[in-house]
Amino acid sequence: MAKNKSSISQADNYQAMGEFWDSHDFTDFDDPTRADVVFEIRDTVRIEAELLAKIEKVAAARGIGAETLINLWLQEKVLANL
């Protein structure tokens, strides 16, 4: 590890990093109020090819992506039916 340093141990070589972690536990540095990992849940929905082509045309005319347009339309429809 030439110029890189371990972010927690500040070790500049593997030996020093190993010595640090031999006497420390990662939970000593964990922040339980902060998420360790953030996931974005995405799903796919099949759209007929001809319908998607029309949606892409409308989206392009509005200067936005098809995915954005579909999400906007779905939000409008859901809110209208609440």
C-alpha atoms as a PDB file:
ATOM      1  CA  MET A   1       0.000   0.000   0.000  1.00  0.00           C
ATOM      2  CA  ALA A   2       2.152   2.807  -1.233  1.00  0.00           C
ATOM      3  CA  LYS A   3       0.338   6.088  -0.582  1.00  0.00           C
ATOM      4  CA  ASN A   4      -3.061   4.699   0.389  1.00  0.00           C
ATOM      5  CA  LYS A   5      -4.032   4.522   4.022  1.00  0.00           C
ATOM      6  CA  SER A   6      -6.699   2.457   5.677  1.00  0.00           C
ATOM      7  CA  SER A   7      -9.498   4.904   6.411  1.00  0.00           C
ATOM      8  CA  ILE A   8      -9.942   3.804  10.022  1.00  0.00           C
ATOM      9  CA  SER A   9      -6.553   2.492  11.084  1.00  0.00           C
ATOM     10  CA  GLN A  10      -4.563   5.133   9.155  1.00  0.00           C
ATOM     11  CA  ALA A  11      -2.081   2.342   8.478  1.00  0.00           C
ATOM     12  CA  ASP A  12       0.212   2.824   5.525  1.00  0.00           C
ATOM     13  CA  ASN A  13       1.068  -0.867   5.087  1.00  0.00           C
ATOM     14  CA  TYR A  14      -0.589  -4.236   5.503  1.00  0.00           C
ATOM     15  CA  GLN A  15       1.504  -5.147   8.561  1.00  0.00           C
ATOM     16  CA  ALA A  16       0.396  -2.041  10.466  1.00  0.00           C
ATOM     17  CA  MET A  17      -3.180  -2.546   9.321  1.00  0.00           C
ATOM     18  CA  GLY A  18      -3.144  -6.124  10.617  1.00  0.00           C
ATOM     19  CA  GLU A  19      -1.688  -5.046  13.953  1.00  0.00           C
ATOM     20  CA  PHE A  20      -4.358  -2.389  14.296  1.00  0.00           C
ATOM     21  CA  TRP A  21      -7.218  -4.820  13.623  1.00  0.00           C
ATOM     22  CA  ASP A  22      -5.677  -7.432  15.944  1.00  0.00           C
ATOM     23  CA  SER A  23      -6.375  -5.050  18.820  1.00  0.00           C
ATOM     24  CA  HIS A  24      -9.567  -3.368  17.572  1.00  0.00           C
ATOM     25  CA  ASP A  25     -13.052  -4.439  16.552  1.00  0.00           C
ATOM     26  CA  PHE A  26     -14.993  -2.828  13.715  1.00  0.00           C
ATOM     27  CA  THR A  27     -17.963  -2.325  16.063  1.00  0.00           C
ATOM     28  CA  ASP A  28     -15.830   0.201  17.955  1.00  0.00           C
ATOM     29  CA  PHE A  29     -16.140   2.424  14.903  1.00  0.00           C
ATOM     30  CA  ASP A  30     -19.706   1.614  13.868  1.00  0.00           C
ATOM     31  CA  ASP A  31     -22.358   4.338  13.985  1.00  0.00           C
ATOM     32  CA  PRO A  32     -25.658   2.597  14.766  1.00  0.00           C
ATOM     33  CA  THR A  33     -27.589   5.714  13.767  1.00  0.00           C
ATOM     34  CA  ARG A  34     -26.274   5.508  10.204  1.00  0.00           C
ATOM     35  CA  ALA A  35     -27.326   2.911   7.678  1.00  0.00           C
ATOM     36  CA  ASP A  36     -24.501   0.624   6.608  1.00  0.00           C
ATOM     37  CA  VAL A  37     -26.033   0.053   3.177  1.00  0.00           C
ATOM     38  CA  VAL A  38     -28.722   1.872   1.212  1.00  0.00           C
ATOM     39  CA  PHE A  39     -30.711  -0.127  -1.303  1.00  0.00           C
ATOM     40  CA  GLU A  40     -32.809   1.196  -4.126  1.00  0.00           C
ATOM     41  CA  ILE A  41     -35.562  -1.252  -4.902  1.00  0.00           C
ATOM     42  CA  ARG A  42     -36.414  -1.392  -8.564  1.00  0.00           C
ATOM     43  CA  ASP A  43     -38.724  -3.643 -10.449  1.00  0.00           C
ATOM     44  CA  THR A  44     -39.510  -4.189 -14.076  1.00  0.00           C
ATOM     45  CA  VAL A  45     -42.833  -4.173 -15.825  1.00  0.00           C
ATOM     46  CA  ARG A  46     -43.252  -5.519 -19.326  1.00  0.00           C
ATOM     47  CA  ILE A  47     -44.699  -3.012 -21.766  1.00  0.00           C
ATOM     48  CA  GLU A  48     -45.881  -3.914 -25.227  1.00  0.00           C
ATOM     49  CA  ALA A  49     -43.336  -2.831 -27.838  1.00  0.00           C
ATOM     50  CA  GLU A  50     -45.766  -0.639 -29.781  1.00  0.00           C
ATOM     51  CA  LEU A  51     -46.989   1.078 -26.613  1.00  0.00           C
ATOM     52  CA  LEU A  52     -43.424   1.686 -25.453  1.00  0.00           C
ATOM     53  CA  ALA A  53     -42.544   3.217 -28.826  1.00  0.00           C
ATOM     54  CA  LYS A  54     -45.434   5.671 -28.434  1.00  0.00           C
ATOM     55  CA  ILE A  55     -44.420   6.490 -24.867  1.00  0.00           C
ATOM     56  CA  GLU A  56     -40.828   7.105 -25.978  1.00  0.00           C
ATOM     57  CA  LYS A  57     -42.075   9.446 -28.682  1.00  0.00           C
ATOM     58  CA  VAL A  58     -44.147  11.473 -26.195  1.00  0.00           C
ATOM     59  CA  ALA A  59     -41.273  11.516 -23.707  1.00  0.00           C
ATOM     60  CA  ALA A  60     -38.806  12.722 -26.336  1.00  0.00           C
ATOM     61  CA  ALA A  61     -41.179  15.521 -27.319  1.00  0.00           C
ATOM     62  CA  ARG A  62     -41.264  16.605 -23.666  1.00  0.00           C
ATOM     63  CA  GLY A  63     -37.492  16.328 -23.317  1.00  0.00           C
ATOM     64  CA  ILE A  64     -37.594  13.601 -20.656  1.00  0.00           C
ATOM     65  CA  GLY A  65     -36.874   9.897 -20.545  1.00  0.00           C
ATOM     66  CA  ALA A  66     -39.569   7.293 -21.039  1.00  0.00           C
ATOM     67  CA  GLU A  67     -39.026   5.945 -17.516  1.00  0.00           C
ATOM     68  CA  THR A  68     -39.588   9.422 -16.060  1.00  0.00           C
ATOM     69  CA  LEU A  69     -42.755   9.929 -18.091  1.00  0.00           C
ATOM     70  CA  ILE A  70     -44.140   6.538 -17.090  1.00  0.00           C
ATOM     71  CA  ASN A  71     -43.451   7.268 -13.412  1.00  0.00           C
ATOM     72  CA  LEU A  72     -45.154  10.668 -13.691  1.00  0.00           C
ATOM     73  CA  TRP A  73     -48.217   9.133 -15.329  1.00  0.00           C
ATOM     74  CA  LEU A  74     -48.409   6.362 -12.756  1.00  0.00           C
ATOM     75  CA  GLN A  75     -48.130   8.843  -9.891  1.00  0.00           C
ATOM     76  CA  GLU A  76     -50.942  10.948 -11.377  1.00  0.00           C
ATOM     77  CA  LYS A  77     -53.162   7.884 -11.812  1.00  0.00           C
ATOM     78  CA  VAL A  78     -52.522   6.579  -8.309  1.00  0.00           C
ATOM     79  CA  LEU A  79     -53.131   9.992  -6.692  1.00  0.00           C
ATOM     80  CA  ALA A  80     -56.363  10.404  -8.662  1.00  0.00           C
ATOM     81  CA  ASN A  81     -57.618   7.093  -7.286  1.00  0.00           C
ATOM     82  CA  LEU A  82     -56.785   7.582  -3.607  1.00  0.00           C
END
